[in-house]
C-alpha atoms as a PDB file:
ATOM      1  CA  MET A   1    -161.507  47.003 245.679  1.00  0.00           C
ATOM      2  CA  GLN A   2    -158.867  49.232 244.127  1.00  0.00           C
ATOM      3  CA  ASP A   3    -158.846  49.866 240.277  1.00  0.00           C
ATOM      4  CA  ASP A   4    -154.861  49.234 240.136  1.00  0.00           C
ATOM      5  CA  THR A   5    -154.192  46.064 238.456  1.00  0.00           C
ATOM      6  CA  LEU A   6    -152.663  43.252 240.506  1.00  0.00           C
ATOM      7  CA  THR A   7    -149.125  42.057 240.070  1.00  0.00           C
ATOM      8  CA  PRO A   8    -147.989  38.312 240.703  1.00  0.00           C
ATOM      9  CA  ASP A   9    -146.639  39.228 243.825  1.00  0.00           C
ATOM     10  CA  ASP A  10    -149.543  40.533 245.085  1.00  0.00           C
ATOM     11  CA  ARG A  11    -151.317  38.207 248.366  1.00  0.00           C
ATOM     12  CA  ASP A  12    -154.763  38.734 246.349  1.00  0.00           C
ATOM     13  CA  PHE A  13    -153.130  37.527 243.012  1.00  0.00           C
ATOM     14  CA  VAL A  14    -154.142  33.632 242.501  1.00  0.00           C
ATOM     15  CA  THR A  15    -151.346  31.853 240.819  1.00  0.00           C
ATOM     16  CA  ALA A  16    -153.184  28.795 240.138  1.00  0.00           C
ATOM     17  CA  LEU A  17    -156.021  30.659 238.422  1.00  0.00           C
ATOM     18  CA  ALA A  18    -153.715  32.441 236.133  1.00  0.00           C
ATOM     19  CA  SER A  19    -151.602  29.017 235.774  1.00  0.00           C
ATOM     20  CA  GLY A  20    -154.713  27.324 234.553  1.00  0.00           C
ATOM     21  CA  LEU A  21    -155.742  30.120 232.043  1.00  0.00           C
ATOM     22  CA  GLU A  22    -152.137  30.132 230.519  1.00  0.00           C
ATOM     23  CA  VAL A  23    -152.620  26.462 229.855  1.00  0.00           C
ATOM     24  CA  ILE A  24    -155.808  26.931 227.886  1.00  0.00           C
ATOM     25  CA  GLN A  25    -154.296  29.534 225.917  1.00  0.00           C
ATOM     26  CA  ALA A  26    -151.373  27.497 225.097  1.00  0.00           C
ATOM     27  CA  PHE A  27    -153.378  25.697 222.791  1.00  0.00           C
ATOM     28  CA  ASP A  28    -153.840  27.636 219.258  1.00  0.00           C
ATOM     29  CA  ASP A  29    -153.699  27.165 215.580  1.00  0.00           C
ATOM     30  CA  ASP A  30    -150.475  25.665 215.841  1.00  0.00           C
ATOM     31  CA  THR A  31    -150.595  23.651 218.438  1.00  0.00           C
ATOM     32  CA  PRO A  32    -154.331  22.073 218.597  1.00  0.00           C
ATOM     33  CA  ARG A  33    -153.084  19.139 220.427  1.00  0.00           C
ATOM     34  CA  MET A  34    -150.360  18.665 222.586  1.00  0.00           C
ATOM     35  CA  THR A  35    -148.468  16.093 224.923  1.00  0.00           C
ATOM     36  CA  LEU A  36    -147.990  16.874 228.523  1.00  0.00           C
ATOM     37  CA  SER A  37    -144.220  17.560 227.682  1.00  0.00           C
ATOM     38  CA  GLU A  38    -145.147  20.075 225.057  1.00  0.00           C
ATOM     39  CA  VAL A  39    -147.720  21.910 227.500  1.00  0.00           C
ATOM     40  CA  ALA A  40    -145.020  22.203 230.115  1.00  0.00           C
ATOM     41  CA  ALA A  41    -142.270  23.337 227.712  1.00  0.00           C
ATOM     42  CA  LYS A  42    -144.544  25.616 226.116  1.00  0.00           C
ATOM     43  CA  THR A  43    -146.103  27.119 229.579  1.00  0.00           C
ATOM     44  CA  ASP A  44    -142.687  27.097 231.041  1.00  0.00           C
ATOM     45  CA  MET A  45    -143.995  24.900 233.897  1.00  0.00           C
ATOM     46  CA  ASN A  46    -142.618  21.506 235.153  1.00  0.00           C
ATOM     47  CA  ARG A  47    -144.153  18.332 234.073  1.00  0.00           C
ATOM     48  CA  ALA A  48    -145.680  17.919 237.492  1.00  0.00           C
ATOM     49  CA  ARG A  49    -147.310  21.547 237.525  1.00  0.00           C
ATOM     50  CA  ALA A  50    -148.443  21.050 233.825  1.00  0.00           C
ATOM     51  CA  ARG A  51    -150.320  17.617 234.791  1.00  0.00           C
ATOM     52  CA  ARG A  52    -152.257  18.943 237.525  1.00  0.00           C
ATOM     53  CA  PHE A  53    -153.666  21.732 235.638  1.00  0.00           C
ATOM     54  CA  LEU A  54    -154.444  19.597 232.432  1.00  0.00           C
ATOM     55  CA  LEU A  55    -156.104  16.941 234.544  1.00  0.00           C
ATOM     56  CA  THR A  56    -158.206  19.450 236.621  1.00  0.00           C
ATOM     57  CA  LEU A  57    -159.178  21.113 233.196  1.00  0.00           C
ATOM     58  CA  HIS A  58    -160.054  17.408 232.067  1.00  0.00           C
ATOM     59  CA  ALA A  59    -162.013  17.297 235.423  1.00  0.00           C
ATOM     60  CA  LEU A  60    -163.791  20.249 234.480  1.00  0.00           C
ATOM     61  CA  GLY A  61    -164.636  19.222 230.840  1.00  0.00           C
ATOM     62  CA  TYR A  62    -162.407  22.112 229.382  1.00  0.00           C
ATOM     63  CA  VAL A  63    -159.714  19.798 228.019  1.00  0.00           C
ATOM     64  CA  ARG A  64    -159.932  15.940 226.713  1.00  0.00           C
ATOM     65  CA  LYS A  65    -157.557  13.656 226.732  1.00  0.00           C
ATOM     66  CA  GLN A  66    -156.967  11.122 223.907  1.00  0.00           C
ATOM     67  CA  GLN A  67    -154.156   8.374 224.956  1.00  0.00           C
ATOM     68  CA  ARG A  68    -151.022  10.858 225.308  1.00  0.00           C
ATOM     69  CA  HIS A  69    -152.316  13.947 223.738  1.00  0.00           C
ATOM     70  CA  PHE A  70    -154.622  16.819 225.351  1.00  0.00           C
ATOM     71  CA  GLU A  71    -156.714  19.134 223.618  1.00  0.00           C
ATOM     72  CA  LEU A  72    -159.410  21.570 224.391  1.00  0.00           C
ATOM     73  CA  THR A  73    -163.024  21.021 224.188  1.00  0.00           C
ATOM     74  CA  PRO A  74    -165.835  23.028 222.791  1.00  0.00           C
ATOM     75  CA  LYS A  75    -166.854  23.679 226.442  1.00  0.00           C
ATOM     76  CA  VAL A  76    -163.926  26.252 226.527  1.00  0.00           C
ATOM     77  CA  LEU A  77    -166.221  28.457 223.758  1.00  0.00           C
ATOM     78  CA  GLN A  78    -168.759  29.164 226.986  1.00  0.00           C
ATOM     79  CA  LEU A  79    -165.917  31.299 228.521  1.00  0.00           C
ATOM     80  CA  GLY A  80    -166.097  33.644 225.218  1.00  0.00           C
ATOM     81  CA  TYR A  81    -169.706  33.472 225.072  1.00  0.00           C
ATOM     82  CA  SER A  82    -169.875  35.370 228.623  1.00  0.00           C
ATOM     83  CA  TYR A  83    -167.816  38.092 227.052  1.00  0.00           C
ATOM     84  CA  LEU A  84    -170.118  38.237 223.854  1.00  0.00           C
ATOM     85  CA  SER A  85    -173.456  37.780 225.864  1.00  0.00           C
ATOM     86  CA  ALA A  86    -172.527  40.649 228.086  1.00  0.00           C
ATOM     87  CA  ASN A  87    -171.910  42.933 225.149  1.00  0.00           C
ATOM     88  CA  GLN A  88    -174.952  42.861 223.412  1.00  0.00           C
ATOM     89  CA  TYR A  89    -173.965  45.534 220.801  1.00  0.00           C
ATOM     90  CA  ARG A  90    -172.208  43.310 218.711  1.00  0.00           C
ATOM     91  CA  ALA A  91    -175.307  41.873 217.178  1.00  0.00           C
ATOM     92  CA  VAL A  92    -175.904  45.427 215.682  1.00  0.00           C
ATOM     93  CA  ILE A  93    -172.432  45.701 214.742  1.00  0.00           C
ATOM     94  CA  GLN A  94    -172.270  42.216 212.878  1.00  0.00           C
ATOM     95  CA  GLN A  95    -175.063  43.768 210.662  1.00  0.00           C
ATOM     96  CA  TYR A  96    -173.060  46.587 209.543  1.00  0.00           C
ATOM     97  CA  LEU A  97    -169.872  44.448 209.376  1.00  0.00           C
ATOM     98  CA  GLU A  98    -172.182  42.265 206.817  1.00  0.00           C
ATOM     99  CA  ASP A  99    -173.630  45.433 205.181  1.00  0.00           C
ATOM    100  CA  ILE A 100    -169.978  46.519 204.416  1.00  0.00           C
ATOM    101  CA  THR A 101    -168.841  43.355 202.931  1.00  0.00           C
ATOM    102  CA  THR A 102    -172.104  43.229 200.822  1.00  0.00           C
ATOM    103  CA  GLU A 103    -171.450  46.579 199.620  1.00  0.00           C
ATOM    104  CA  ILE A 104    -167.347  46.290 198.888  1.00  0.00           C
ATOM    105  CA  GLY A 105    -166.853  42.763 198.669  1.00  0.00           C
ATOM    106  CA  GLU A 106    -164.224  43.139 201.203  1.00  0.00           C
ATOM    107  CA  SER A 107    -163.809  41.159 204.764  1.00  0.00           C
ATOM    108  CA  SER A 108    -164.719  43.737 207.819  1.00  0.00           C
ATOM    109  CA  SER A 109    -163.908  43.210 211.471  1.00  0.00           C
ATOM    110  CA  LEU A 110    -164.569  44.865 214.414  1.00  0.00           C
ATOM    111  CA  GLY A 111    -161.494  44.602 217.038  1.00  0.00           C
ATOM    112  CA  VAL A 112    -160.729  45.492 220.882  1.00  0.00           C
ATOM    113  CA  LEU A 113    -157.338  46.049 222.289  1.00  0.00           C
ATOM    114  CA  ASP A 114    -156.512  43.473 224.817  1.00  0.00           C
ATOM    115  CA  GLY A 115    -152.669  43.886 226.005  1.00  0.00           C
ATOM    116  CA  ASP A 116    -150.560  44.262 223.242  1.00  0.00           C
ATOM    117  CA  GLU A 117    -152.997  42.318 220.650  1.00  0.00           C
ATOM    118  CA  VAL A 118    -156.031  43.105 218.806  1.00  0.00           C
ATOM    119  CA  THR A 119    -158.765  40.490 219.508  1.00  0.00           C
ATOM    120  CA  TYR A 120    -161.123  39.982 216.746  1.00  0.00           C
ATOM    121  CA  VAL A 121    -164.936  40.177 218.483  1.00  0.00           C
ATOM    122  CA  CYS A 122    -166.789  40.443 215.235  1.00  0.00           C
ATOM    123  CA  ARG A 123    -166.185  39.659 211.751  1.00  0.00           C
ATOM    124  CA  SER A 124    -168.033  39.364 208.404  1.00  0.00           C
ATOM    125  CA  SER A 125    -165.825  37.492 205.829  1.00  0.00           C
ATOM    126  CA  ALA A 126    -165.345  37.893 202.040  1.00  0.00           C
ATOM    127  CA  ARG A 127    -164.911  34.606 200.046  1.00  0.00           C
ATOM    128  CA  HIS A 128    -161.584  35.385 199.043  1.00  0.00           C
ATOM    129  CA  ARG A 129    -158.728  34.798 201.991  1.00  0.00           C
ATOM    130  CA  LEU A 130    -156.050  37.472 202.581  1.00  0.00           C
ATOM    131  CA  MET A 131    -154.155  35.899 205.022  1.00  0.00           C
ATOM    132  CA  ALA A 132    -151.948  32.445 205.787  1.00  0.00           C
ATOM    133  CA  ILE A 133    -154.130  32.237 209.092  1.00  0.00           C
ATOM    134  CA  THR A 134    -157.843  31.880 209.364  1.00  0.00           C
ATOM    135  CA  LEU A 135    -159.404  34.958 210.666  1.00  0.00           C
ATOM    136  CA  SER A 136    -162.224  34.716 213.175  1.00  0.00           C
ATOM    137  CA  VAL A 137    -163.840  35.587 216.423  1.00  0.00           C
ATOM    138  CA  GLY A 138    -161.072  35.129 219.022  1.00  0.00           C
ATOM    139  CA  THR A 139    -158.108  35.609 216.598  1.00  0.00           C
ATOM    140  CA  ARG A 140    -155.443  37.926 218.107  1.00  0.00           C
ATOM    141  CA  LEU A 141    -152.961  39.912 215.999  1.00  0.00           C
ATOM    142  CA  PRO A 142    -150.083  42.434 217.309  1.00  0.00           C
ATOM    143  CA  ALA A 143    -151.453  45.550 217.584  1.00  0.00           C
ATOM    144  CA  ALA A 144    -148.346  47.262 216.195  1.00  0.00           C
ATOM    145  CA  TYR A 145    -148.738  46.130 212.648  1.00  0.00           C
ATOM    146  CA  THR A 146    -152.866  45.897 212.529  1.00  0.00           C
ATOM    147  CA  SER A 147    -154.671  49.085 211.294  1.00  0.00           C
ATOM    148  CA  MET A 148    -157.180  48.475 213.982  1.00  0.00           C
ATOM    149  CA  GLY A 149    -154.087  47.831 216.412  1.00  0.00           C
ATOM    150  CA  ARG A 150    -153.081  51.616 215.669  1.00  0.00           C
ATOM    151  CA  VAL A 151    -156.569  52.968 215.756  1.00  0.00           C
ATOM    152  CA  LEU A 152    -156.877  51.649 219.393  1.00  0.00           C
ATOM    153  CA  LEU A 153    -153.441  52.482 220.595  1.00  0.00           C
ATOM    154  CA  ALA A 154    -154.312  56.176 219.142  1.00  0.00           C
ATOM    155  CA  GLN A 155    -157.266  56.039 221.590  1.00  0.00           C
ATOM    156  CA  LEU A 156    -154.832  55.502 224.673  1.00  0.00           C
ATOM    157  CA  PRO A 157    -154.037  58.189 227.167  1.00  0.00           C
ATOM    158  CA  ASP A 158    -150.191  59.406 226.704  1.00  0.00           C
ATOM    159  CA  ASP A 159    -148.958  57.552 229.788  1.00  0.00           C
ATOM    160  CA  GLU A 160    -150.653  54.115 228.511  1.00  0.00           C
ATOM    161  CA  LEU A 161    -149.320  54.725 225.527  1.00  0.00           C
ATOM    162  CA  ASP A 162    -145.744  55.194 226.468  1.00  0.00           C
ATOM    163  CA  ALA A 163    -146.116  52.411 228.593  1.00  0.00           C
ATOM    164  CA  TYR A 164    -147.088  50.391 225.804  1.00  0.00           C
ATOM    165  CA  LEU A 165    -144.075  51.541 223.675  1.00  0.00           C
ATOM    166  CA  GLU A 166    -141.888  50.714 226.459  1.00  0.00           C
ATOM    167  CA  ARG A 167    -142.552  47.220 226.586  1.00  0.00           C
ATOM    168  CA  VAL A 168    -143.237  46.066 223.351  1.00  0.00           C
ATOM    169  CA  THR A 169    -141.174  44.233 221.153  1.00  0.00           C
ATOM    170  CA  LEU A 170    -141.184  44.885 217.620  1.00  0.00           C
ATOM    171  CA  SER A 171    -140.231  42.254 214.916  1.00  0.00           C
ATOM    172  CA  ALA A 172    -139.940  42.672 211.035  1.00  0.00           C
ATOM    173  CA  HIS A 173    -143.257  40.067 210.065  1.00  0.00           C
ATOM    174  CA  THR A 174    -142.476  41.900 206.433  1.00  0.00           C
ATOM    175  CA  GLU A 175    -139.883  43.841 204.484  1.00  0.00           C
ATOM    176  CA  ARG A 176    -142.270  46.817 205.043  1.00  0.00           C
ATOM    177  CA  SER A 177    -142.782  46.316 209.186  1.00  0.00           C
ATOM    178  CA  ILE A 178    -141.986  49.238 211.509  1.00  0.00           C
ATOM    179  CA  THR A 179    -139.400  48.067 213.898  1.00  0.00           C
ATOM    180  CA  ASP A 180    -138.231  51.436 215.145  1.00  0.00           C
ATOM    181  CA  LYS A 181    -140.216  52.834 217.944  1.00  0.00           C
ATOM    182  CA  THR A 182    -140.232  56.450 217.730  1.00  0.00           C
ATOM    183  CA  GLN A 183    -141.217  55.971 213.752  1.00  0.00           C
ATOM    184  CA  LEU A 184    -144.238  53.837 215.429  1.00  0.00           C
ATOM    185  CA  ARG A 185    -145.000  56.645 217.776  1.00  0.00           C
ATOM    186  CA  ASN A 186    -145.141  59.026 214.658  1.00  0.00           C
ATOM    187  CA  CYS A 187    -147.425  56.746 213.080  1.00  0.00           C
ATOM    188  CA  ILE A 188    -149.676  56.704 215.750  1.00  0.00           C
ATOM    189  CA  GLU A 189    -149.930  60.518 216.240  1.00  0.00           C
ATOM    190  CA  GLN A 190    -150.705  60.641 212.740  1.00  0.00           C
ATOM    191  CA  VAL A 191    -153.492  58.170 213.320  1.00  0.00           C
ATOM    192  CA  ARG A 192    -154.908  60.400 216.204  1.00  0.00           C
ATOM    193  CA  GLN A 193    -154.724  63.475 213.844  1.00  0.00           C
ATOM    194  CA  GLN A 194    -156.629  61.859 210.890  1.00  0.00           C
ATOM    195  CA  GLY A 195    -158.872  59.601 212.903  1.00  0.00           C
ATOM    196  CA  TYR A 196    -158.034  56.338 210.708  1.00  0.00           C
ATOM    197  CA  SER A 197    -155.221  54.065 210.123  1.00  0.00           C
ATOM    198  CA  ILE A 198    -154.012  52.395 206.835  1.00  0.00           C
ATOM    199  CA  VAL A 199    -151.438  49.628 207.354  1.00  0.00           C
ATOM    200  CA  ASP A 200    -149.647  48.485 204.153  1.00  0.00           C
ATOM    201  CA  GLN A 201    -148.259  44.818 204.266  1.00  0.00           C
ATOM    202  CA  GLU A 202    -146.855  45.082 207.524  1.00  0.00           C
ATOM    203  CA  LEU A 203    -148.240  42.154 208.927  1.00  0.00           C
ATOM    204  CA  ASP A 204    -148.540  39.997 205.920  1.00  0.00           C
ATOM    205  CA  PRO A 205    -147.583  40.078 202.010  1.00  0.00           C
ATOM    206  CA  GLY A 206    -150.440  41.570 200.149  1.00  0.00           C
ATOM    207  CA  LEU A 207    -152.246  42.565 203.330  1.00  0.00           C
ATOM    208  CA  ARG A 208    -153.504  46.206 203.074  1.00  0.00           C
ATOM    209  CA  SER A 209    -156.082  47.170 205.609  1.00  0.00           C
ATOM    210  CA  LEU A 210    -158.003  50.408 206.954  1.00  0.00           C
ATOM    211  CA  ALA A 211    -159.705  51.075 210.177  1.00  0.00           C
ATOM    212  CA  VAL A 212    -161.550  53.498 212.274  1.00  0.00           C
ATOM    213  CA  PRO A 213    -162.500  53.991 215.982  1.00  0.00           C
ATOM    214  CA  ALA A 214    -166.305  52.877 216.960  1.00  0.00           C
ATOM    215  CA  PHE A 215    -168.091  54.799 219.768  1.00  0.00           C
ATOM    216  CA  ASP A 216    -171.457  54.102 221.334  1.00  0.00           C
ATOM    217  CA  ALA A 217    -174.060  56.867 221.956  1.00  0.00           C
ATOM    218  CA  ASN A 218    -172.189  57.727 225.238  1.00  0.00           C
ATOM    219  CA  GLY A 219    -168.903  58.533 223.597  1.00  0.00           C
ATOM    220  CA  THR A 220    -167.269  54.965 225.146  1.00  0.00           C
ATOM    221  CA  LEU A 221    -165.026  53.430 222.934  1.00  0.00           C
ATOM    222  CA  LEU A 222    -166.412  49.973 221.258  1.00  0.00           C
ATOM    223  CA  GLY A 223    -163.232  49.055 219.383  1.00  0.00           C
ATOM    224  CA  ALA A 224    -162.151  49.527 215.875  1.00  0.00           C
ATOM    225  CA  ILE A 225    -163.874  48.780 212.400  1.00  0.00           C
ATOM    226  CA  ASN A 226    -161.623  47.521 209.591  1.00  0.00           C
ATOM    227  CA  VAL A 227    -161.603  46.476 206.064  1.00  0.00           C
ATOM    228  CA  SER A 228    -158.642  43.879 204.881  1.00  0.00           C
ATOM    229  CA  THR A 229    -157.966  43.970 201.363  1.00  0.00           C
ATOM    230  CA  ASN A 230    -155.679  42.750 198.835  1.00  0.00           C
ATOM    231  CA  ALA A 231    -152.850  45.338 197.720  1.00  0.00           C
ATOM    232  CA  ALA A 232    -152.623  44.177 194.310  1.00  0.00           C
ATOM    233  CA  ARG A 233    -156.479  44.690 193.624  1.00  0.00           C
ATOM    234  CA  ILE A 234    -157.202  47.517 195.960  1.00  0.00           C
ATOM    235  CA  ASP A 235    -155.088  50.944 195.688  1.00  0.00           C
ATOM    236  CA  PHE A 236    -154.792  53.656 198.092  1.00  0.00           C
ATOM    237  CA  ASP A 237    -157.318  55.772 196.242  1.00  0.00           C
ATOM    238  CA  THR A 238    -159.732  53.228 196.555  1.00  0.00           C
ATOM    239  CA  LEU A 239    -159.219  53.005 200.094  1.00  0.00           C
ATOM    240  CA  THR A 240    -159.288  56.685 201.425  1.00  0.00           C
ATOM    241  CA  GLN A 241    -161.972  57.741 198.543  1.00  0.00           C
ATOM    242  CA  SER A 242    -164.331  54.941 198.781  1.00  0.00           C
ATOM    243  CA  PHE A 243    -163.501  52.562 201.756  1.00  0.00           C
ATOM    244  CA  LEU A 244    -163.114  55.147 204.272  1.00  0.00           C
ATOM    245  CA  PRO A 245    -166.265  57.430 203.923  1.00  0.00           C
ATOM    246  CA  LEU A 246    -168.103  53.970 203.813  1.00  0.00           C
ATOM    247  CA  LEU A 247    -166.501  53.101 207.372  1.00  0.00           C
ATOM    248  CA  GLN A 248    -167.136  56.660 208.584  1.00  0.00           C
ATOM    249  CA  ASP A 249    -170.528  56.518 208.062  1.00  0.00           C
ATOM    250  CA  LYS A 250    -171.346  53.036 209.548  1.00  0.00           C
ATOM    251  CA  VAL A 251    -169.558  53.825 212.569  1.00  0.00           C
ATOM    252  CA  ARG A 252    -171.523  57.042 212.582  1.00  0.00           C
ATOM    253  CA  LEU A 253    -174.848  54.436 212.421  1.00  0.00           C
ATOM    254  CA  ILE A 254    -173.448  52.608 215.262  1.00  0.00           C
ATOM    255  CA  ARG A 255    -173.172  55.503 217.411  1.00  0.00           C
ATOM    256  CA  THR A 256    -176.683  56.292 216.977  1.00  0.00           C
ATOM    257  CA  HIS A 257    -178.117  53.129 217.540  1.00  0.00           C
ATOM    258  CA  VAL A 258    -175.726  51.638 220.232  1.00  0.00           C
ATOM    259  CA  SER A 259    -176.059  53.102 223.817  1.00  0.00           C
END
């Protein structure tokens, strides 16, 4: 099998599988329960097609039906568990994330790049909540506006970074958000040079975060580790002089203990 990614026009591309996964992904924090019409509209399918996928997922136990509404069942977690169980390093990293939270009282996470988004795969939460949404394992955020995302984008080869910048749509989440692609590229180049990223209130007002890349003993990228803070409570000097050395120390330990 070639390494090239299939396109929907390729004869080996299974459209039904892709559509079934699209239906599952349609359920999120904003729409945990939907009617058939709502699923069809969100996935841009006609009602008959959406109905077949929902009923198939219902028969397989991934979706439950309550009168006119559909919602995911806990069985969907098995899909994520397959990924987590195949990557045993997360148990080691989880302990280091918890150590970070214990030492500085801030939330810490490991994220990986998935398409144009960062997916949280490990997280240690502090008591205080920084964002309007609840961050947890499986949460996806735009790579362009997160410190972990920019660290991971900085690890991409130039051609892949070029392709990302060509297709990505930049939106103003806050008045501080970068919306110019040249400015974003310059920011990513700076991250490449300095080895860390700080994003200041570009995704959510009051949210300031710091991230560094994490590698295993073979030099393989595992993801990015971050600390997220309240901008009114933690200044830049604290981030760079206290938190950054702590994160750098933890990723050195991870590289020693994860092979």
